[in-house]
Amino acid sequence: MTFDLSAMSRKELLQLQSNVEKALQEAELRERQEALKAAEEAAAKYGFSLDEIATASRQGAKKAKAAPKYRNPENPEETWTGRGRKPHWVHAALTAGKDISDLEI
């Protein structure tokens, strides 16, 4: 389909623009529905619903806290994973001559 845009009036061009915008919106909606249907079919192929997969992927994005690796012998409630900055109690123990392996859980 070819249009001679130079032969069209301003009013005709504006109407054409309006029709194109409407057609683009309808095409996008249609393609979104097709993509959703294809994704649902792909999930069903593996025995899942699309909601189950979306929920699982959001939950999987959150990282679990690392398990504590070291414990303060003087206050067992204070622990450290071994990641990040050393807590003051670890510095104090090392300065006092203890080995880091003495603090392991």
PDB file of N, CA and C in Angstrom:
ATOM      1  N   MET A   1       0.851  -1.170   0.000  1.00  0.00           N
ATOM      2  CA  MET A   1       0.000   0.000   0.000  1.00  0.00           C
ATOM      3  C   MET A   1       0.897   1.234   0.000  1.00  0.00           C
ATOM      4  N   THR A   2       0.765   2.069  -1.008  1.00  0.00           N
ATOM      5  CA  THR A   2       1.585   3.258  -1.144  1.00  0.00           C
ATOM      6  C   THR A   2       0.694   4.491  -1.184  1.00  0.00           C
ATOM      7  N   PHE A   3       1.109   5.509  -0.442  1.00  0.00           N
ATOM      8  CA  PHE A   3       0.367   6.772  -0.420  1.00  0.00           C
ATOM      9  C   PHE A   3       1.253   7.863  -0.982  1.00  0.00           C
ATOM     10  N   ASP A   4       0.632   8.770  -1.735  1.00  0.00           N
ATOM     11  CA  ASP A   4       1.346   9.963  -2.192  1.00  0.00           C
ATOM     12  C   ASP A   4       1.044  11.044  -1.167  1.00  0.00           C
ATOM     13  N   LEU A   5       1.892  11.137  -0.152  1.00  0.00           N
ATOM     14  CA  LEU A   5       1.647  12.064   0.944  1.00  0.00           C
ATOM     15  C   LEU A   5       1.673  13.517   0.493  1.00  0.00           C
ATOM     16  N   SER A   6       2.447  13.814  -0.523  1.00  0.00           N
ATOM     17  CA  SER A   6       2.538  15.204  -0.990  1.00  0.00           C
ATOM     18  C   SER A   6       1.234  15.665  -1.637  1.00  0.00           C
ATOM     19  N   ALA A   7       0.403  14.732  -2.103  1.00  0.00           N
ATOM     20  CA  ALA A   7      -0.864  15.093  -2.732  1.00  0.00           C
ATOM     21  C   ALA A   7      -1.992  15.212  -1.705  1.00  0.00           C
ATOM     22  N   MET A   8      -1.724  14.841  -0.445  1.00  0.00           N
ATOM     23  CA  MET A   8      -2.781  14.861   0.572  1.00  0.00           C
ATOM     24  C   MET A   8      -2.826  16.216   1.261  1.00  0.00           C
ATOM     25  N   SER A   9      -4.026  16.595   1.689  1.00  0.00           N
ATOM     26  CA  SER A   9      -4.191  17.853   2.419  1.00  0.00           C
ATOM     27  C   SER A   9      -3.751  17.647   3.875  1.00  0.00           C
ATOM     28  N   ARG A  10      -3.600  18.746   4.566  1.00  0.00           N
ATOM     29  CA  ARG A  10      -3.215  18.684   5.976  1.00  0.00           C
ATOM     30  C   ARG A  10      -4.242  17.903   6.777  1.00  0.00           C
ATOM     31  N   LYS A  11      -5.512  18.121   6.490  1.00  0.00           N
ATOM     32  CA  LYS A  11      -6.588  17.436   7.195  1.00  0.00           C
ATOM     33  C   LYS A  11      -6.516  15.922   6.942  1.00  0.00           C
ATOM     34  N   GLU A  12      -6.263  15.555   5.695  1.00  0.00           N
ATOM     35  CA  GLU A  12      -6.141  14.129   5.355  1.00  0.00           C
ATOM     36  C   GLU A  12      -4.919  13.500   6.041  1.00  0.00           C
ATOM     37  N   LEU A  13      -3.800  14.255   6.102  1.00  0.00           N
ATOM     38  CA  LEU A  13      -2.597  13.760   6.762  1.00  0.00           C
ATOM     39  C   LEU A  13      -2.827  13.558   8.266  1.00  0.00           C
ATOM     40  N   LEU A  14      -3.535  14.512   8.884  1.00  0.00           N
ATOM     41  CA  LEU A  14      -3.848  14.378  10.308  1.00  0.00           C
ATOM     42  C   LEU A  14      -4.740  13.170  10.565  1.00  0.00           C
ATOM     43  N   GLN A  15      -5.696  12.936   9.694  1.00  0.00           N
ATOM     44  CA  GLN A  15      -6.572  11.776   9.831  1.00  0.00           C
ATOM     45  C   GLN A  15      -5.776  10.485   9.656  1.00  0.00           C
ATOM     46  N   LEU A  16      -4.874  10.481   8.681  1.00  0.00           N
ATOM     47  CA  LEU A  16      -4.020   9.322   8.460  1.00  0.00           C
ATOM     48  C   LEU A  16      -3.149   9.058   9.694  1.00  0.00           C
ATOM     49  N   GLN A  17      -2.586  10.130  10.265  1.00  0.00           N
ATOM     50  CA  GLN A  17      -1.772   9.999  11.467  1.00  0.00           C
ATOM     51  C   GLN A  17      -2.586   9.409  12.614  1.00  0.00           C
ATOM     52  N   SER A  18      -3.789   9.874  12.787  1.00  0.00           N
ATOM     53  CA  SER A  18      -4.677   9.365  13.834  1.00  0.00           C
ATOM     54  C   SER A  18      -4.973   7.884  13.617  1.00  0.00           C
ATOM     55  N   ASN A  19      -5.227   7.516  12.364  1.00  0.00           N
ATOM     56  CA  ASN A  19      -5.512   6.111  12.037  1.00  0.00           C
ATOM     57  C   ASN A  19      -4.293   5.225  12.291  1.00  0.00           C
ATOM     58  N   VAL A  20      -3.098   5.755  11.962  1.00  0.00           N
ATOM     59  CA  VAL A  20      -1.870   4.992  12.173  1.00  0.00           C
ATOM     60  C   VAL A  20      -1.638   4.788  13.671  1.00  0.00           C
ATOM     61  N   GLU A  21      -1.826   5.822  14.485  1.00  0.00           N
ATOM     62  CA  GLU A  21      -1.639   5.703  15.931  1.00  0.00           C
ATOM     63  C   GLU A  21      -2.599   4.673  16.521  1.00  0.00           C
ATOM     64  N   LYS A  22      -3.841   4.708  16.087  1.00  0.00           N
ATOM     65  CA  LYS A  22      -4.835   3.751  16.571  1.00  0.00           C
ATOM     66  C   LYS A  22      -4.450   2.330  16.153  1.00  0.00           C
ATOM     67  N   ALA A  23      -4.017   2.177  14.912  1.00  0.00           N
ATOM     68  CA  ALA A  23      -3.625   0.855  14.416  1.00  0.00           C
ATOM     69  C   ALA A  23      -2.399   0.336  15.168  1.00  0.00           C
ATOM     70  N   LEU A  24      -1.464   1.230  15.511  1.00  0.00           N
ATOM     71  CA  LEU A  24      -0.287   0.833  16.277  1.00  0.00           C
ATOM     72  C   LEU A  24      -0.673   0.357  17.680  1.00  0.00           C
ATOM     73  N   GLN A  25      -1.585   1.054  18.321  1.00  0.00           N
ATOM     74  CA  GLN A  25      -2.045   0.647  19.651  1.00  0.00           C
ATOM     75  C   GLN A  25      -2.719  -0.725  19.596  1.00  0.00           C
ATOM     76  N   GLU A  26      -3.552  -0.931  18.591  1.00  0.00           N
ATOM     77  CA  GLU A  26      -4.235  -2.210  18.444  1.00  0.00           C
ATOM     78  C   GLU A  26      -3.239  -3.335  18.148  1.00  0.00           C
ATOM     79  N   ALA A  27      -2.220  -3.041  17.326  1.00  0.00           N
ATOM     80  CA  ALA A  27      -1.211  -4.042  17.000  1.00  0.00           C
ATOM     81  C   ALA A  27      -0.397  -4.396  18.244  1.00  0.00           C
ATOM     82  N   GLU A  28      -0.060  -3.403  19.055  1.00  0.00           N
ATOM     83  CA  GLU A  28       0.698  -3.667  20.278  1.00  0.00           C
ATOM     84  C   GLU A  28      -0.121  -4.528  21.240  1.00  0.00           C
ATOM     85  N   LEU A  29      -1.388  -4.215  21.413  1.00  0.00           N
ATOM     86  CA  LEU A  29      -2.266  -5.003  22.280  1.00  0.00           C
ATOM     87  C   LEU A  29      -2.363  -6.442  21.781  1.00  0.00           C
ATOM     88  N   ARG A  30      -2.540  -6.600  20.483  1.00  0.00           N
ATOM     89  CA  ARG A  30      -2.653  -7.933  19.883  1.00  0.00           C
ATOM     90  C   ARG A  30      -1.367  -8.729  20.098  1.00  0.00           C
ATOM     91  N   GLU A  31      -0.216  -8.085  19.902  1.00  0.00           N
ATOM     92  CA  GLU A  31       1.071  -8.764  20.077  1.00  0.00           C
ATOM     93  C   GLU A  31       1.327  -9.114  21.542  1.00  0.00           C
ATOM     94  N   ARG A  32       0.910  -8.241  22.459  1.00  0.00           N
ATOM     95  CA  ARG A  32       1.054  -8.547  23.886  1.00  0.00           C
ATOM     96  C   ARG A  32       0.211  -9.772  24.254  1.00  0.00           C
ATOM     97  N   GLN A  33      -1.008  -9.831  23.728  1.00  0.00           N
ATOM     98  CA  GLN A  33      -1.882 -10.970  24.008  1.00  0.00           C
ATOM     99  C   GLN A  33      -1.292 -12.257  23.436  1.00  0.00           C
ATOM    100  N   GLU A  34      -0.719 -12.182  22.240  1.00  0.00           N
ATOM    101  CA  GLU A  34      -0.081 -13.346  21.625  1.00  0.00           C
ATOM    102  C   GLU A  34       1.132 -13.792  22.441  1.00  0.00           C
ATOM    103  N   ALA A  35       1.921 -12.826  22.922  1.00  0.00           N
ATOM    104  CA  ALA A  35       3.102 -13.153  23.725  1.00  0.00           C
ATOM    105  C   ALA A  35       2.690 -13.790  25.048  1.00  0.00           C
ATOM    106  N   LEU A  36       1.649 -13.260  25.672  1.00  0.00           N
ATOM    107  CA  LEU A  36       1.154 -13.823  26.922  1.00  0.00           C
ATOM    108  C   LEU A  36       0.662 -15.247  26.719  1.00  0.00           C
ATOM    109  N   LYS A  37      -0.066 -15.465  25.637  1.00  0.00           N
ATOM    110  CA  LYS A  37      -0.583 -16.805  25.344  1.00  0.00           C
ATOM    111  C   LYS A  37       0.584 -17.778  25.101  1.00  0.00           C
ATOM    112  N   ALA A  38       1.588 -17.334  24.372  1.00  0.00           N
ATOM    113  CA  ALA A  38       2.749 -18.192  24.098  1.00  0.00           C
ATOM    114  C   ALA A  38       3.497 -18.509  25.393  1.00  0.00           C
ATOM    115  N   ALA A  39       3.640 -17.518  26.273  1.00  0.00           N
ATOM    116  CA  ALA A  39       4.326 -17.740  27.544  1.00  0.00           C
ATOM    117  C   ALA A  39       3.532 -18.704  28.424  1.00  0.00           C
ATOM    118  N   GLU A  40       2.207 -18.570  28.445  1.00  0.00           N
ATOM    119  CA  GLU A  40       1.362 -19.483  29.227  1.00  0.00           C
ATOM    120  C   GLU A  40       1.469 -20.907  28.698  1.00  0.00           C
ATOM    121  N   GLU A  41       1.495 -21.051  27.383  1.00  0.00           N
ATOM    122  CA  GLU A  41       1.619 -22.381  26.780  1.00  0.00           C
ATOM    123  C   GLU A  41       2.979 -23.000  27.098  1.00  0.00           C
ATOM    124  N   ALA A  42       4.027 -22.180  27.061  1.00  0.00           N
ATOM    125  CA  ALA A  42       5.365 -22.681  27.380  1.00  0.00           C
ATOM    126  C   ALA A  42       5.433 -23.120  28.837  1.00  0.00           C
ATOM    127  N   ALA A  43       4.846 -22.359  29.742  1.00  0.00           N
ATOM    128  CA  ALA A  43       4.840 -22.727  31.160  1.00  0.00           C
ATOM    129  C   ALA A  43       4.027 -24.005  31.370  1.00  0.00           C
ATOM    130  N   ALA A  44       2.892 -24.104  30.698  1.00  0.00           N
ATOM    131  CA  ALA A  44       2.028 -25.284  30.838  1.00  0.00           C
ATOM    132  C   ALA A  44       2.741 -26.541  30.335  1.00  0.00           C
ATOM    133  N   LYS A  45       3.595 -26.385  29.349  1.00  0.00           N
ATOM    134  CA  LYS A  45       4.346 -27.512  28.810  1.00  0.00           C
ATOM    135  C   LYS A  45       5.190 -28.179  29.907  1.00  0.00           C
ATOM    136  N   TYR A  46       5.636 -27.375  30.876  1.00  0.00           N
ATOM    137  CA  TYR A  46       6.447 -27.895  31.975  1.00  0.00           C
ATOM    138  C   TYR A  46       5.625 -28.099  33.250  1.00  0.00           C
ATOM    139  N   GLY A  47       4.308 -27.930  33.156  1.00  0.00           N
ATOM    140  CA  GLY A  47       3.432 -28.193  34.291  1.00  0.00           C
ATOM    141  C   GLY A  47       3.290 -27.045  35.270  1.00  0.00           C
ATOM    142  N   PHE A  48       3.552 -25.829  34.813  1.00  0.00           N
ATOM    143  CA  PHE A  48       3.433 -24.657  35.680  1.00  0.00           C
ATOM    144  C   PHE A  48       2.446 -23.665  35.088  1.00  0.00           C
ATOM    145  N   SER A  49       1.927 -22.803  35.959  1.00  0.00           N
ATOM    146  CA  SER A  49       1.176 -21.658  35.455  1.00  0.00           C
ATOM    147  C   SER A  49       2.158 -20.495  35.351  1.00  0.00           C
ATOM    148  N   LEU A  50       1.813 -19.505  34.569  1.00  0.00           N
ATOM    149  CA  LEU A  50       2.699 -18.348  34.409  1.00  0.00           C
ATOM    150  C   LEU A  50       2.854 -17.618  35.740  1.00  0.00           C
ATOM    151  N   ASP A  51       1.786 -17.567  36.547  1.00  0.00           N
ATOM    152  CA  ASP A  51       1.864 -16.926  37.863  1.00  0.00           C
ATOM    153  C   ASP A  51       2.855 -17.639  38.772  1.00  0.00           C
ATOM    154  N   GLU A  52       2.871 -18.959  38.737  1.00  0.00           N
ATOM    155  CA  GLU A  52       3.805 -19.715  39.573  1.00  0.00           C
ATOM    156  C   GLU A  52       5.243 -19.388  39.201  1.00  0.00           C
ATOM    157  N   ILE A  53       5.516 -19.289  37.923  1.00  0.00           N
ATOM    158  CA  ILE A  53       6.878 -18.999  37.468  1.00  0.00           C
ATOM    159  C   ILE A  53       7.268 -17.582  37.837  1.00  0.00           C
ATOM    160  N   ALA A  54       6.361 -16.638  37.651  1.00  0.00           N
ATOM    161  CA  ALA A  54       6.662 -15.242  37.969  1.00  0.00           C
ATOM    162  C   ALA A  54       6.908 -15.075  39.463  1.00  0.00           C
ATOM    163  N   THR A  55       6.113 -15.735  40.287  1.00  0.00           N
ATOM    164  CA  THR A  55       6.278 -15.641  41.736  1.00  0.00           C
ATOM    165  C   THR A  55       7.595 -16.269  42.152  1.00  0.00           C
ATOM    166  N   ALA A  56       7.919 -17.417  41.597  1.00  0.00           N
ATOM    167  CA  ALA A  56       9.166 -18.099  41.942  1.00  0.00           C
ATOM    168  C   ALA A  56      10.374 -17.278  41.526  1.00  0.00           C
ATOM    169  N   SER A  57      10.306 -16.624  40.374  1.00  0.00           N
ATOM    170  CA  SER A  57      11.460 -15.852  39.918  1.00  0.00           C
ATOM    171  C   SER A  57      11.657 -14.617  40.796  1.00  0.00           C
ATOM    172  N   ARG A  58      10.575 -14.029  41.299  1.00  0.00           N
ATOM    173  CA  ARG A  58      10.710 -12.889  42.204  1.00  0.00           C
ATOM    174  C   ARG A  58      11.287 -13.328  43.539  1.00  0.00           C
ATOM    175  N   GLN A  59      10.873 -14.485  44.022  1.00  0.00           N
ATOM    176  CA  GLN A  59      11.390 -14.990  45.285  1.00  0.00           C
ATOM    177  C   GLN A  59      12.848 -15.395  45.135  1.00  0.00           C
ATOM    178  N   GLY A  60      13.196 -15.954  43.994  1.00  0.00           N
ATOM    179  CA  GLY A  60      14.573 -16.369  43.755  1.00  0.00           C
ATOM    180  C   GLY A  60      15.517 -15.201  43.623  1.00  0.00           C
ATOM    181  N   ALA A  61      14.977 -14.034  43.287  1.00  0.00           N
ATOM    182  CA  ALA A  61      15.826 -12.860  43.123  1.00  0.00           C
ATOM    183  C   ALA A  61      16.372 -12.384  44.463  1.00  0.00           C
ATOM    184  N   LYS A  62      15.649 -12.663  45.542  1.00  0.00           N
ATOM    185  CA  LYS A  62      16.114 -12.267  46.863  1.00  0.00           C
ATOM    186  C   LYS A  62      17.153 -13.281  47.336  1.00  0.00           C
ATOM    187  N   LYS A  63      18.291 -12.781  47.718  1.00  0.00           N
ATOM    188  CA  LYS A  63      19.333 -13.668  48.196  1.00  0.00           C
ATOM    189  C   LYS A  63      19.102 -13.965  49.673  1.00  0.00           C
ATOM    190  N   ALA A  64      19.333 -15.190  50.031  1.00  0.00           N
ATOM    191  CA  ALA A  64      19.232 -15.572  51.428  1.00  0.00           C
ATOM    192  C   ALA A  64      20.435 -15.020  52.175  1.00  0.00           C
ATOM    193  N   LYS A  65      20.214 -14.716  53.448  1.00  0.00           N
ATOM    194  CA  LYS A  65      21.322 -14.252  54.264  1.00  0.00           C
ATOM    195  C   LYS A  65      22.333 -15.370  54.403  1.00  0.00           C
ATOM    196  N   ALA A  66      23.585 -14.984  54.444  1.00  0.00           N
ATOM    197  CA  ALA A  66      24.645 -15.972  54.631  1.00  0.00           C
ATOM    198  C   ALA A  66      24.604 -16.479  56.067  1.00  0.00           C
ATOM    199  N   ALA A  67      24.915 -17.728  56.233  1.00  0.00           N
ATOM    200  CA  ALA A  67      24.930 -18.328  57.568  1.00  0.00           C
ATOM    201  C   ALA A  67      26.117 -17.792  58.352  1.00  0.00           C
ATOM    202  N   PRO A  68      25.940 -17.576  59.650  1.00  0.00           N
ATOM    203  CA  PRO A  68      27.059 -17.104  60.464  1.00  0.00           C
ATOM    204  C   PRO A  68      28.181 -18.132  60.496  1.00  0.00           C
ATOM    205  N   LYS A  69      29.386 -17.653  60.474  1.00  0.00           N
ATOM    206  CA  LYS A  69      30.551 -18.518  60.460  1.00  0.00           C
ATOM    207  C   LYS A  69      31.358 -18.371  61.756  1.00  0.00           C
ATOM    208  N   TYR A  70      31.227 -17.205  62.401  1.00  0.00           N
ATOM    209  CA  TYR A  70      31.975 -16.910  63.617  1.00  0.00           C
ATOM    210  C   TYR A  70      31.018 -16.450  64.710  1.00  0.00           C
ATOM    211  N   ARG A  71      31.376 -16.768  65.985  1.00  0.00           N
ATOM    212  CA  ARG A  71      30.550 -16.375  67.118  1.00  0.00           C
ATOM    213  C   ARG A  71      31.453 -15.758  68.189  1.00  0.00           C
ATOM    214  N   ASN A  72      30.934 -14.715  68.809  1.00  0.00           N
ATOM    215  CA  ASN A  72      31.645 -14.077  69.902  1.00  0.00           C
ATOM    216  C   ASN A  72      31.546 -14.992  71.125  1.00  0.00           C
ATOM    217  N   PRO A  73      32.667 -15.487  71.644  1.00  0.00           N
ATOM    218  CA  PRO A  73      32.603 -16.407  72.785  1.00  0.00           C
ATOM    219  C   PRO A  73      32.066 -15.744  74.057  1.00  0.00           C
ATOM    220  N   GLU A  74      32.187 -14.435  74.155  1.00  0.00           N
ATOM    221  CA  GLU A  74      31.710 -13.729  75.346  1.00  0.00           C
ATOM    222  C   GLU A  74      30.241 -13.341  75.234  1.00  0.00           C
ATOM    223  N   ASN A  75      29.719 -13.276  74.040  1.00  0.00           N
ATOM    224  CA  ASN A  75      28.300 -12.982  73.829  1.00  0.00           C
ATOM    225  C   ASN A  75      27.838 -13.813  72.644  1.00  0.00           C
ATOM    226  N   PRO A  76      27.308 -15.013  72.873  1.00  0.00           N
ATOM    227  CA  PRO A  76      26.947 -15.927  71.793  1.00  0.00           C
ATOM    228  C   PRO A  76      25.892 -15.382  70.820  1.00  0.00           C
ATOM    229  N   GLU A  77      25.215 -14.310  71.192  1.00  0.00           N
ATOM    230  CA  GLU A  77      24.222 -13.723  70.283  1.00  0.00           C
ATOM    231  C   GLU A  77      24.886 -12.941  69.152  1.00  0.00           C
ATOM    232  N   GLU A  78      26.140 -12.557  69.333  1.00  0.00           N
ATOM    233  CA  GLU A  78      26.870 -11.815  68.311  1.00  0.00           C
ATOM    234  C   GLU A  78      27.563 -12.802  67.377  1.00  0.00           C
ATOM    235  N   THR A  79      27.194 -12.724  66.107  1.00  0.00           N
ATOM    236  CA  THR A  79      27.794 -13.597  65.106  1.00  0.00           C
ATOM    237  C   THR A  79      28.261 -12.762  63.928  1.00  0.00           C
ATOM    238  N   TRP A  80      29.061 -13.392  63.079  1.00  0.00           N
ATOM    239  CA  TRP A  80      29.569 -12.732  61.869  1.00  0.00           C
ATOM    240  C   TRP A  80      29.684 -13.780  60.786  1.00  0.00           C
ATOM    241  N   THR A  81      29.299 -13.422  59.565  1.00  0.00           N
ATOM    242  CA  THR A  81      29.324 -14.354  58.441  1.00  0.00           C
ATOM    243  C   THR A  81      30.711 -14.506  57.834  1.00  0.00           C
ATOM    244  N   GLY A  82      31.588 -13.581  58.153  1.00  0.00           N
ATOM    245  CA  GLY A  82      32.906 -13.595  57.538  1.00  0.00           C
ATOM    246  C   GLY A  82      32.944 -12.708  56.311  1.00  0.00           C
ATOM    247  N   ARG A  83      31.837 -12.061  56.040  1.00  0.00           N
ATOM    248  CA  ARG A  83      31.748 -11.146  54.891  1.00  0.00           C
ATOM    249  C   ARG A  83      31.673  -9.712  55.406  1.00  0.00           C
ATOM    250  N   GLY A  84      32.200  -8.818  54.628  1.00  0.00           N
ATOM    251  CA  GLY A  84      32.131  -7.414  55.020  1.00  0.00           C
ATOM    252  C   GLY A  84      33.171  -7.091  56.086  1.00  0.00           C
ATOM    253  N   ARG A  85      32.967  -5.938  56.735  1.00  0.00           N
ATOM    254  CA  ARG A  85      33.909  -5.482  57.759  1.00  0.00           C
ATOM    255  C   ARG A  85      33.838  -6.375  58.980  1.00  0.00           C
ATOM    256  N   LYS A  86      34.969  -6.541  59.612  1.00  0.00           N
ATOM    257  CA  LYS A  86      35.020  -7.339  60.834  1.00  0.00           C
ATOM    258  C   LYS A  86      34.355  -6.549  61.961  1.00  0.00           C
ATOM    259  N   PRO A  87      33.530  -7.215  62.749  1.00  0.00           N
ATOM    260  CA  PRO A  87      32.942  -6.532  63.915  1.00  0.00           C
ATOM    261  C   PRO A  87      34.024  -6.212  64.946  1.00  0.00           C
ATOM    262  N   HIS A  88      33.705  -5.306  65.855  1.00  0.00           N
ATOM    263  CA  HIS A  88      34.677  -4.891  66.872  1.00  0.00           C
ATOM    264  C   HIS A  88      35.126  -6.068  67.731  1.00  0.00           C
ATOM    265  N   TRP A  89      34.204  -6.964  68.045  1.00  0.00           N
ATOM    266  CA  TRP A  89      34.569  -8.096  68.896  1.00  0.00           C
ATOM    267  C   TRP A  89      35.573  -9.016  68.209  1.00  0.00           C
ATOM    268  N   VAL A  90      35.526  -9.100  66.877  1.00  0.00           N
ATOM    269  CA  VAL A  90      36.508  -9.901  66.144  1.00  0.00           C
ATOM    270  C   VAL A  90      37.872  -9.210  66.220  1.00  0.00           C
ATOM    271  N   HIS A  91      37.892  -7.895  65.992  1.00  0.00           N
ATOM    272  CA  HIS A  91      39.145  -7.139  66.091  1.00  0.00           C
ATOM    273  C   HIS A  91      39.745  -7.286  67.486  1.00  0.00           C
ATOM    274  N   ALA A  92      38.899  -7.160  68.497  1.00  0.00           N
ATOM    275  CA  ALA A  92      39.377  -7.249  69.876  1.00  0.00           C
ATOM    276  C   ALA A  92      39.970  -8.625  70.155  1.00  0.00           C
ATOM    277  N   ALA A  93      39.314  -9.676  69.676  1.00  0.00           N
ATOM    278  CA  ALA A  93      39.807 -11.031  69.903  1.00  0.00           C
ATOM    279  C   ALA A  93      41.142 -11.249  69.189  1.00  0.00           C
ATOM    280  N   LEU A  94      41.245 -10.771  67.955  1.00  0.00           N
ATOM    281  CA  LEU A  94      42.497 -10.936  67.200  1.00  0.00           C
ATOM    282  C   LEU A  94      43.633 -10.145  67.846  1.00  0.00           C
ATOM    283  N   THR A  95      43.311  -8.955  68.337  1.00  0.00           N
ATOM    284  CA  THR A  95      44.311  -8.124  69.008  1.00  0.00           C
ATOM    285  C   THR A  95      44.771  -8.786  70.301  1.00  0.00           C
ATOM    286  N   ALA A  96      43.855  -9.491  70.964  1.00  0.00           N
ATOM    287  CA  ALA A  96      44.176 -10.174  72.222  1.00  0.00           C
ATOM    288  C   ALA A  96      44.982 -11.451  71.983  1.00  0.00           C
ATOM    289  N   GLY A  97      45.252 -11.780  70.735  1.00  0.00           N
ATOM    290  CA  GLY A  97      46.091 -12.921  70.431  1.00  0.00           C
ATOM    291  C   GLY A  97      45.346 -14.179  70.027  1.00  0.00           C
ATOM    292  N   LYS A  98      44.021 -14.113  69.935  1.00  0.00           N
ATOM    293  CA  LYS A  98      43.259 -15.291  69.511  1.00  0.00           C
ATOM    294  C   LYS A  98      43.400 -15.470  68.001  1.00  0.00           C
ATOM    295  N   ASP A  99      43.231 -16.690  67.573  1.00  0.00           N
ATOM    296  CA  ASP A  99      43.233 -17.000  66.148  1.00  0.00           C
ATOM    297  C   ASP A  99      41.794 -16.940  65.658  1.00  0.00           C
ATOM    298  N   ILE A 100      41.580 -16.564  64.396  1.00  0.00           N
ATOM    299  CA  ILE A 100      40.225 -16.472  63.846  1.00  0.00           C
ATOM    300  C   ILE A 100      39.520 -17.820  63.914  1.00  0.00           C
ATOM    301  N   SER A 101      40.282 -18.910  63.834  1.00  0.00           N
ATOM    302  CA  SER A 101      39.659 -20.237  63.912  1.00  0.00           C
ATOM    303  C   SER A 101      39.088 -20.517  65.302  1.00  0.00           C
ATOM    304  N   ASP A 102      39.560 -19.789  66.330  1.00  0.00           N
ATOM    305  CA  ASP A 102      39.010 -19.939  67.678  1.00  0.00           C
ATOM    306  C   ASP A 102      37.570 -19.420  67.753  1.00  0.00           C
ATOM    307  N   LEU A 103      37.212 -18.558  66.836  1.00  0.00           N
ATOM    308  CA  LEU A 103      35.885 -17.948  66.853  1.00  0.00           C
ATOM    309  C   LEU A 103      34.880 -18.666  65.960  1.00  0.00           C
ATOM    310  N   GLU A 104      35.345 -19.654  65.226  1.00  0.00           N
ATOM    311  CA  GLU A 104      34.442 -20.369  64.310  1.00  0.00           C
ATOM    312  C   GLU A 104      33.368 -21.109  65.073  1.00  0.00           C
ATOM    313  N   ILE A 105      32.210 -21.176  64.465  1.00  0.00           N
ATOM    314  CA  ILE A 105      31.070 -21.881  65.070  1.00  0.00           C
ATOM    315  C   ILE A 105      31.247 -23.362  64.891  1.00  0.00           C
TER     316      ILE A 105
END
